[in-house]
């Protein structure tokens, strides 16, 4: 009611917005806007954030649907076998049989995460699980699958 924004987090355990003060607001078709966080606090499965200069309900409503991005420097380094979703967007996808396509999206379902891969035959969801994905090499921007059978429908 006083200009606070309720943010739904992709990762509910993330502390990034609680420890950073500057964020980027991103809306499709509009230039990015830098904003400063005045306060941030947990509220069940979301965060309540007050931005400097957003003091009314109307000003907060005007930001509905905006993506909130934190600087990479605010994120902890991923463990050796982990990566950030943004790091695989655009990665080449290969299988023992050869090139498959390119990662165009990362989606999290309740049961598992998937890589959406653009192939010559269209989009395919590849579950990010052992037995399907052999290796994710962020530095080489490459995802290696165990077989192209992972790309076949049900």
N, C-alpha and C. Protein backbone atom coordinates (compact mmCIF):
# COMPACT_ATOMS: atom_id res chain seq x y z
N UNK A 1 0.81 -1.20 0.00
CA UNK A 1 0.00 0.00 0.00
C UNK A 1 0.85 1.26 0.00
N UNK A 2 2.10 1.13 0.42
CA UNK A 2 2.98 2.30 0.47
C UNK A 2 4.07 2.22 -0.59
N UNK A 3 3.75 1.57 -1.70
CA UNK A 3 4.72 1.50 -2.78
C UNK A 3 5.62 0.28 -2.74
N UNK A 4 5.36 -0.65 -1.84
CA UNK A 4 6.17 -1.86 -1.83
C UNK A 4 5.79 -2.76 -3.01
N UNK A 5 6.78 -3.44 -3.54
CA UNK A 5 6.57 -4.38 -4.63
C UNK A 5 6.64 -5.79 -4.07
N UNK A 6 5.73 -6.64 -4.48
CA UNK A 6 5.79 -8.05 -4.10
C UNK A 6 6.46 -8.79 -5.24
N UNK A 7 7.63 -9.35 -4.97
CA UNK A 7 8.40 -10.03 -6.00
C UNK A 7 8.31 -11.53 -5.82
N UNK A 8 7.97 -12.23 -6.88
CA UNK A 8 7.99 -13.69 -6.88
C UNK A 8 9.37 -14.11 -7.34
N UNK A 9 10.02 -14.94 -6.56
CA UNK A 9 11.39 -15.34 -6.85
C UNK A 9 11.44 -16.63 -7.66
N UNK A 10 12.39 -16.70 -8.58
CA UNK A 10 12.63 -17.96 -9.30
C UNK A 10 13.23 -18.98 -8.34
N UNK A 11 14.05 -18.51 -7.43
CA UNK A 11 14.69 -19.36 -6.44
C UNK A 11 14.34 -18.80 -5.06
N UNK A 12 13.41 -19.46 -4.38
CA UNK A 12 12.93 -18.95 -3.09
C UNK A 12 14.01 -18.86 -2.04
N UNK A 13 15.10 -19.62 -2.19
CA UNK A 13 16.19 -19.61 -1.21
C UNK A 13 17.20 -18.49 -1.46
N UNK A 14 17.08 -17.80 -2.59
CA UNK A 14 18.06 -16.79 -2.95
C UNK A 14 18.06 -15.63 -1.96
N UNK A 15 19.24 -15.17 -1.65
CA UNK A 15 19.44 -14.01 -0.76
C UNK A 15 19.88 -12.79 -1.56
N UNK A 16 20.00 -12.92 -2.88
CA UNK A 16 20.59 -11.86 -3.71
C UNK A 16 19.89 -10.52 -3.54
N UNK A 17 18.56 -10.50 -3.54
CA UNK A 17 17.85 -9.22 -3.42
C UNK A 17 17.88 -8.66 -2.01
N UNK A 18 18.22 -9.48 -1.05
CA UNK A 18 18.35 -8.99 0.32
C UNK A 18 19.72 -8.36 0.57
N UNK A 19 20.68 -8.69 -0.29
CA UNK A 19 22.04 -8.20 -0.04
C UNK A 19 22.54 -7.20 -1.08
N UNK A 20 21.75 -6.92 -2.11
CA UNK A 20 22.17 -5.96 -3.12
C UNK A 20 21.32 -4.69 -3.00
N UNK A 21 21.84 -3.60 -3.45
CA UNK A 21 21.10 -2.34 -3.37
C UNK A 21 20.72 -1.79 -4.73
N UNK A 22 21.36 -2.26 -5.79
CA UNK A 22 21.05 -1.76 -7.12
C UNK A 22 20.58 -2.91 -8.01
N UNK A 23 19.48 -2.68 -8.71
CA UNK A 23 18.90 -3.70 -9.59
C UNK A 23 18.59 -3.08 -10.95
N UNK A 24 18.27 -3.93 -11.89
CA UNK A 24 17.84 -3.48 -13.20
C UNK A 24 16.40 -3.94 -13.40
N UNK A 25 15.55 -3.03 -13.85
CA UNK A 25 14.16 -3.36 -14.17
C UNK A 25 14.08 -3.51 -15.68
N UNK A 26 13.54 -4.64 -16.12
CA UNK A 26 13.51 -4.96 -17.55
C UNK A 26 12.09 -5.26 -17.99
N UNK A 27 11.67 -4.56 -19.04
CA UNK A 27 10.34 -4.77 -19.63
C UNK A 27 10.54 -4.92 -21.14
N UNK A 28 9.88 -5.91 -21.74
CA UNK A 28 10.00 -6.14 -23.17
C UNK A 28 9.65 -4.88 -23.95
N UNK A 29 10.50 -4.54 -24.90
CA UNK A 29 10.23 -3.39 -25.76
C UNK A 29 10.57 -2.05 -25.16
N UNK A 30 11.17 -2.05 -23.97
CA UNK A 30 11.52 -0.78 -23.32
C UNK A 30 12.98 -0.86 -22.85
N UNK A 31 13.63 0.29 -22.74
CA UNK A 31 15.02 0.26 -22.24
C UNK A 31 15.07 -0.17 -20.77
N UNK A 32 16.16 -0.83 -20.40
CA UNK A 32 16.37 -1.19 -19.00
C UNK A 32 16.46 0.06 -18.14
N UNK A 33 16.00 -0.07 -16.88
CA UNK A 33 16.05 1.04 -15.94
C UNK A 33 16.77 0.56 -14.68
N UNK A 34 17.72 1.34 -14.21
CA UNK A 34 18.42 1.02 -12.97
C UNK A 34 17.64 1.60 -11.81
N UNK A 35 17.48 0.81 -10.75
CA UNK A 35 16.74 1.26 -9.56
C UNK A 35 17.53 0.88 -8.31
N UNK A 36 17.29 1.64 -7.25
CA UNK A 36 17.93 1.35 -5.96
C UNK A 36 16.91 0.78 -4.99
N UNK A 37 17.31 -0.25 -4.28
CA UNK A 37 16.46 -0.86 -3.27
C UNK A 37 16.62 -0.10 -1.97
N UNK A 38 15.50 0.36 -1.43
CA UNK A 38 15.50 1.05 -0.14
C UNK A 38 15.40 0.02 0.99
N UNK A 39 14.43 -0.91 0.88
CA UNK A 39 14.29 -1.99 1.86
C UNK A 39 13.84 -3.25 1.14
N UNK A 40 14.17 -4.39 1.72
CA UNK A 40 13.72 -5.69 1.20
C UNK A 40 13.53 -6.62 2.38
N UNK A 41 12.43 -7.34 2.35
CA UNK A 41 12.15 -8.29 3.44
C UNK A 41 11.36 -9.47 2.89
N UNK A 42 11.51 -10.60 3.55
CA UNK A 42 10.80 -11.81 3.15
C UNK A 42 9.33 -11.71 3.54
N UNK A 43 8.48 -12.31 2.71
CA UNK A 43 7.04 -12.40 2.99
C UNK A 43 6.55 -13.72 2.41
N UNK A 44 6.57 -14.76 3.21
CA UNK A 44 6.22 -16.11 2.78
C UNK A 44 7.08 -16.54 1.60
N UNK A 45 6.48 -16.81 0.44
CA UNK A 45 7.24 -17.28 -0.72
C UNK A 45 7.64 -16.16 -1.66
N UNK A 46 7.64 -14.93 -1.18
CA UNK A 46 7.99 -13.77 -2.01
C UNK A 46 8.86 -12.81 -1.20
N UNK A 47 9.22 -11.70 -1.82
CA UNK A 47 9.91 -10.61 -1.14
C UNK A 47 9.08 -9.35 -1.29
N UNK A 48 9.07 -8.54 -0.26
CA UNK A 48 8.49 -7.20 -0.34
C UNK A 48 9.65 -6.24 -0.44
N UNK A 49 9.66 -5.47 -1.52
CA UNK A 49 10.78 -4.57 -1.80
C UNK A 49 10.25 -3.16 -1.99
N UNK A 50 10.93 -2.21 -1.39
CA UNK A 50 10.62 -0.80 -1.61
C UNK A 50 11.78 -0.21 -2.41
N UNK A 51 11.44 0.40 -3.54
CA UNK A 51 12.45 1.03 -4.38
C UNK A 51 12.46 2.53 -4.11
N UNK A 52 13.62 3.13 -4.17
CA UNK A 52 13.73 4.58 -4.02
C UNK A 52 12.91 5.24 -5.13
N UNK A 53 12.05 6.18 -4.74
CA UNK A 53 11.23 6.92 -5.69
C UNK A 53 9.90 6.26 -6.01
N UNK A 54 9.66 5.06 -5.52
CA UNK A 54 8.37 4.39 -5.72
C UNK A 54 7.66 4.42 -4.38
N UNK A 55 6.85 5.48 -4.18
CA UNK A 55 6.28 5.74 -2.86
C UNK A 55 4.78 5.55 -2.77
N UNK A 56 4.13 5.23 -3.87
CA UNK A 56 2.68 5.09 -3.85
C UNK A 56 2.28 3.76 -4.46
N UNK A 57 1.06 3.37 -4.16
CA UNK A 57 0.51 2.14 -4.74
C UNK A 57 0.48 2.24 -6.26
N UNK A 58 0.12 3.42 -6.78
CA UNK A 58 0.04 3.63 -8.23
C UNK A 58 1.41 3.47 -8.88
N UNK A 59 2.44 4.00 -8.26
CA UNK A 59 3.80 3.88 -8.80
C UNK A 59 4.24 2.42 -8.80
N UNK A 60 3.88 1.68 -7.76
CA UNK A 60 4.21 0.26 -7.69
C UNK A 60 3.43 -0.52 -8.75
N UNK A 61 2.14 -0.22 -8.91
CA UNK A 61 1.31 -0.88 -9.93
C UNK A 61 1.87 -0.69 -11.32
N UNK A 62 2.46 0.45 -11.58
CA UNK A 62 3.02 0.74 -12.91
C UNK A 62 4.19 -0.20 -13.23
N UNK A 63 4.74 -0.83 -12.22
CA UNK A 63 5.87 -1.75 -12.42
C UNK A 63 5.43 -3.21 -12.52
N UNK A 64 4.13 -3.48 -12.49
CA UNK A 64 3.63 -4.85 -12.58
C UNK A 64 4.15 -5.52 -13.86
N UNK A 65 4.67 -6.73 -13.71
CA UNK A 65 5.14 -7.50 -14.86
C UNK A 65 6.58 -7.22 -15.26
N UNK A 66 7.23 -6.30 -14.59
CA UNK A 66 8.62 -5.99 -14.91
C UNK A 66 9.53 -7.07 -14.34
N UNK A 67 10.52 -7.48 -15.11
CA UNK A 67 11.52 -8.44 -14.61
C UNK A 67 12.54 -7.68 -13.78
N UNK A 68 12.91 -8.24 -12.65
CA UNK A 68 13.90 -7.64 -11.77
C UNK A 68 15.19 -8.44 -11.90
N UNK A 69 16.26 -7.77 -12.29
CA UNK A 69 17.54 -8.43 -12.52
C UNK A 69 18.57 -7.90 -11.52
N UNK A 70 19.35 -8.81 -10.96
CA UNK A 70 20.42 -8.40 -10.04
C UNK A 70 21.75 -8.49 -10.79
N UNK A 71 22.72 -7.68 -10.39
CA UNK A 71 24.03 -7.77 -11.04
C UNK A 71 24.67 -9.13 -10.77
N UNK A 72 25.38 -9.63 -11.74
CA UNK A 72 26.06 -10.93 -11.60
C UNK A 72 26.94 -10.94 -10.35
N UNK A 73 27.55 -9.81 -10.03
CA UNK A 73 28.44 -9.72 -8.86
C UNK A 73 27.70 -9.95 -7.54
N UNK A 74 26.37 -9.85 -7.54
CA UNK A 74 25.58 -10.08 -6.32
C UNK A 74 25.28 -11.56 -6.10
N UNK A 75 25.57 -12.38 -7.10
CA UNK A 75 25.27 -13.80 -7.00
C UNK A 75 26.48 -14.57 -6.52
N UNK A 76 26.25 -15.61 -5.72
CA UNK A 76 27.39 -16.44 -5.29
C UNK A 76 27.92 -17.25 -6.48
N UNK A 77 29.19 -17.58 -6.43
CA UNK A 77 29.75 -18.43 -7.47
C UNK A 77 29.08 -19.80 -7.40
N UNK A 78 28.65 -20.34 -8.52
CA UNK A 78 28.04 -21.68 -8.49
C UNK A 78 29.09 -22.73 -8.16
N UNK A 79 28.64 -23.82 -7.55
CA UNK A 79 29.53 -24.94 -7.28
C UNK A 79 29.99 -25.54 -8.60
N UNK A 80 30.98 -26.42 -8.53
CA UNK A 80 31.59 -27.00 -9.73
C UNK A 80 30.57 -27.67 -10.65
N UNK A 81 29.56 -28.32 -10.09
CA UNK A 81 28.58 -29.03 -10.90
C UNK A 81 27.29 -28.24 -11.09
N UNK A 82 27.33 -26.93 -10.82
CA UNK A 82 26.16 -26.06 -10.96
C UNK A 82 26.43 -24.96 -11.99
N UNK A 83 25.34 -24.33 -12.44
CA UNK A 83 25.46 -23.20 -13.35
C UNK A 83 24.20 -22.37 -13.21
N UNK A 84 24.27 -21.14 -13.66
CA UNK A 84 23.10 -20.29 -13.71
C UNK A 84 22.41 -20.49 -15.06
N UNK A 85 21.09 -20.45 -15.05
CA UNK A 85 20.31 -20.68 -16.27
C UNK A 85 20.77 -19.78 -17.40
N UNK A 86 21.04 -18.52 -17.11
CA UNK A 86 21.45 -17.57 -18.15
C UNK A 86 22.73 -18.02 -18.85
N UNK A 87 23.55 -18.82 -18.16
CA UNK A 87 24.83 -19.26 -18.72
C UNK A 87 24.68 -20.31 -19.82
N UNK A 88 23.51 -20.93 -19.94
CA UNK A 88 23.32 -21.95 -20.98
C UNK A 88 22.44 -21.47 -22.13
N UNK A 89 21.82 -20.32 -21.98
CA UNK A 89 21.01 -19.79 -23.08
C UNK A 89 21.96 -19.48 -24.24
N UNK A 90 21.66 -20.02 -25.40
CA UNK A 90 22.52 -19.84 -26.56
C UNK A 90 23.59 -20.92 -26.71
N UNK A 91 23.68 -21.83 -25.74
CA UNK A 91 24.69 -22.89 -25.82
C UNK A 91 24.34 -23.89 -26.92
N UNK A 92 25.37 -24.41 -27.56
CA UNK A 92 25.20 -25.46 -28.56
C UNK A 92 24.87 -26.77 -27.85
N UNK A 93 23.96 -27.53 -28.41
CA UNK A 93 23.59 -28.83 -27.85
C UNK A 93 24.06 -29.91 -28.82
N UNK A 94 24.84 -30.85 -28.30
CA UNK A 94 25.37 -31.94 -29.13
C UNK A 94 25.08 -33.28 -28.48
N UNK A 95 25.06 -34.31 -29.32
CA UNK A 95 24.91 -35.69 -28.87
C UNK A 95 25.99 -36.49 -29.57
N UNK A 96 26.19 -37.75 -29.20
CA UNK A 96 27.21 -38.54 -29.91
C UNK A 96 26.98 -38.57 -31.42
N UNK A 97 25.73 -38.42 -31.83
CA UNK A 97 25.40 -38.45 -33.26
C UNK A 97 25.71 -37.13 -33.97
N UNK A 98 26.00 -36.08 -33.22
CA UNK A 98 26.31 -34.79 -33.82
C UNK A 98 25.55 -33.64 -33.21
N UNK A 99 25.58 -32.49 -33.90
CA UNK A 99 24.92 -31.27 -33.40
C UNK A 99 23.41 -31.46 -33.42
N UNK A 100 22.77 -31.01 -32.33
CA UNK A 100 21.33 -31.15 -32.17
C UNK A 100 20.63 -29.81 -32.35
N UNK A 101 21.19 -28.76 -31.76
CA UNK A 101 20.54 -27.46 -31.81
C UNK A 101 21.16 -26.50 -30.81
N UNK A 102 20.30 -25.58 -30.32
CA UNK A 102 20.76 -24.53 -29.41
C UNK A 102 19.75 -24.34 -28.29
N UNK A 103 20.26 -24.13 -27.08
CA UNK A 103 19.39 -23.87 -25.93
C UNK A 103 18.80 -22.47 -26.09
N UNK A 104 17.45 -22.39 -26.04
CA UNK A 104 16.80 -21.08 -26.18
C UNK A 104 16.07 -20.66 -24.91
N UNK A 105 15.91 -21.61 -23.98
CA UNK A 105 15.17 -21.28 -22.76
C UNK A 105 15.49 -22.31 -21.69
N UNK A 106 15.34 -21.91 -20.45
CA UNK A 106 15.50 -22.79 -19.28
C UNK A 106 14.19 -22.73 -18.52
N UNK A 107 13.55 -23.87 -18.29
CA UNK A 107 12.26 -23.89 -17.61
C UNK A 107 12.36 -24.81 -16.39
N UNK A 108 11.78 -24.35 -15.28
CA UNK A 108 11.74 -25.18 -14.07
C UNK A 108 10.33 -25.66 -13.83
N UNK A 109 10.17 -26.97 -13.83
CA UNK A 109 8.90 -27.60 -13.48
C UNK A 109 9.03 -28.13 -12.06
N UNK A 110 7.91 -28.46 -11.42
CA UNK A 110 8.02 -29.00 -10.06
C UNK A 110 8.86 -30.27 -9.96
N UNK A 111 8.87 -31.07 -11.02
CA UNK A 111 9.60 -32.35 -10.95
C UNK A 111 11.03 -32.27 -11.45
N UNK A 112 11.33 -31.35 -12.39
CA UNK A 112 12.70 -31.21 -12.87
C UNK A 112 12.83 -29.94 -13.71
N UNK A 113 14.05 -29.58 -13.98
CA UNK A 113 14.35 -28.46 -14.86
C UNK A 113 14.56 -29.01 -16.26
N UNK A 114 14.22 -28.20 -17.28
CA UNK A 114 14.43 -28.63 -18.66
C UNK A 114 15.11 -27.52 -19.44
N UNK A 115 15.86 -27.95 -20.45
CA UNK A 115 16.42 -27.04 -21.42
C UNK A 115 15.51 -27.08 -22.63
N UNK A 116 15.05 -25.94 -23.10
CA UNK A 116 14.27 -25.89 -24.33
C UNK A 116 15.28 -25.68 -25.45
N UNK A 117 15.30 -26.64 -26.36
CA UNK A 117 16.31 -26.66 -27.42
C UNK A 117 15.63 -26.43 -28.77
N UNK A 118 16.14 -25.48 -29.53
CA UNK A 118 15.66 -25.25 -30.89
C UNK A 118 16.42 -26.20 -31.80
N UNK A 119 15.69 -27.11 -32.46
CA UNK A 119 16.29 -28.07 -33.38
C UNK A 119 15.75 -27.79 -34.78
N UNK A 120 16.24 -28.52 -35.75
CA UNK A 120 15.74 -28.38 -37.13
C UNK A 120 14.26 -28.75 -37.22
N UNK A 121 13.79 -29.60 -36.30
CA UNK A 121 12.40 -30.07 -36.32
C UNK A 121 11.49 -29.25 -35.39
N UNK A 122 12.04 -28.25 -34.73
CA UNK A 122 11.25 -27.42 -33.82
C UNK A 122 11.82 -27.45 -32.41
N UNK A 123 11.04 -26.95 -31.47
CA UNK A 123 11.47 -26.89 -30.07
C UNK A 123 11.28 -28.24 -29.39
N UNK A 124 12.26 -28.60 -28.56
CA UNK A 124 12.20 -29.84 -27.80
C UNK A 124 12.64 -29.53 -26.37
N UNK A 125 11.93 -30.13 -25.40
CA UNK A 125 12.34 -29.98 -24.00
C UNK A 125 13.22 -31.16 -23.61
N UNK A 126 14.40 -30.83 -23.11
CA UNK A 126 15.35 -31.85 -22.68
C UNK A 126 15.45 -31.78 -21.16
N UNK A 127 15.05 -32.86 -20.47
CA UNK A 127 15.15 -32.83 -19.00
C UNK A 127 16.61 -32.77 -18.56
N UNK A 128 16.86 -31.94 -17.61
CA UNK A 128 18.22 -31.75 -17.10
C UNK A 128 18.47 -32.78 -16.00
N UNK A 129 18.64 -34.02 -16.42
CA UNK A 129 18.84 -35.12 -15.48
C UNK A 129 19.98 -36.01 -15.98
N UNK A 130 20.61 -36.72 -15.03
CA UNK A 130 21.63 -37.70 -15.40
C UNK A 130 20.97 -38.74 -16.30
N UNK A 131 21.72 -39.26 -17.23
CA UNK A 131 21.18 -40.22 -18.18
C UNK A 131 20.68 -39.57 -19.44
N UNK A 132 20.39 -38.27 -19.40
CA UNK A 132 19.98 -37.53 -20.59
C UNK A 132 21.06 -36.50 -20.92
N UNK A 133 21.46 -35.72 -19.93
CA UNK A 133 22.50 -34.72 -20.11
C UNK A 133 23.80 -35.27 -19.53
N UNK A 134 24.78 -35.46 -20.39
CA UNK A 134 26.06 -35.99 -19.94
C UNK A 134 26.92 -34.91 -19.30
N UNK A 135 26.88 -33.69 -19.88
CA UNK A 135 27.78 -32.64 -19.39
C UNK A 135 27.29 -31.28 -19.84
N UNK A 136 27.43 -30.29 -18.96
CA UNK A 136 27.18 -28.90 -19.30
C UNK A 136 28.50 -28.17 -19.13
N UNK A 137 29.03 -27.66 -20.22
CA UNK A 137 30.30 -26.95 -20.21
C UNK A 137 30.01 -25.47 -20.45
N UNK A 138 29.87 -24.72 -19.37
CA UNK A 138 29.51 -23.30 -19.46
C UNK A 138 30.58 -22.52 -20.20
N UNK A 139 31.85 -22.79 -19.92
CA UNK A 139 32.94 -22.05 -20.55
C UNK A 139 32.93 -22.24 -22.07
N UNK A 140 32.63 -23.44 -22.53
CA UNK A 140 32.60 -23.72 -23.97
C UNK A 140 31.23 -23.44 -24.58
N UNK A 141 30.25 -23.07 -23.73
CA UNK A 141 28.87 -22.82 -24.18
C UNK A 141 28.35 -24.03 -24.95
N UNK A 142 28.42 -25.21 -24.26
CA UNK A 142 28.09 -26.47 -24.90
C UNK A 142 27.40 -27.40 -23.91
N UNK A 143 26.32 -28.02 -24.37
CA UNK A 143 25.60 -29.03 -23.58
C UNK A 143 25.71 -30.34 -24.34
N UNK A 144 26.21 -31.36 -23.65
CA UNK A 144 26.38 -32.67 -24.29
C UNK A 144 25.31 -33.63 -23.77
N UNK A 145 24.58 -34.22 -24.70
CA UNK A 145 23.55 -35.21 -24.36
C UNK A 145 24.13 -36.60 -24.48
N UNK A 146 23.51 -37.55 -23.80
CA UNK A 146 23.97 -38.94 -23.89
C UNK A 146 23.59 -39.56 -25.22
N UNK A 147 22.46 -39.12 -25.81
CA UNK A 147 21.96 -39.66 -27.07
C UNK A 147 20.89 -38.75 -27.64
N UNK A 148 20.63 -38.83 -28.91
CA UNK A 148 19.54 -38.05 -29.49
C UNK A 148 18.19 -38.68 -29.15
N UNK A 149 18.17 -39.88 -28.59
CA UNK A 149 16.91 -40.50 -28.17
C UNK A 149 16.21 -39.63 -27.14
N UNK A 150 16.98 -38.81 -26.42
CA UNK A 150 16.39 -37.89 -25.43
C UNK A 150 15.49 -36.85 -26.10
N UNK A 151 15.63 -36.70 -27.41
CA UNK A 151 14.86 -35.70 -28.14
C UNK A 151 13.57 -36.25 -28.76
N UNK A 152 13.41 -37.55 -28.69
CA UNK A 152 12.23 -38.18 -29.29
C UNK A 152 11.02 -38.01 -28.40
N UNK A 153 9.86 -37.76 -28.98
CA UNK A 153 8.64 -37.62 -28.16
C UNK A 153 8.31 -38.92 -27.45
N UNK A 154 7.75 -38.76 -26.21
CA UNK A 154 7.27 -39.79 -25.32
C UNK A 154 7.44 -41.15 -25.77
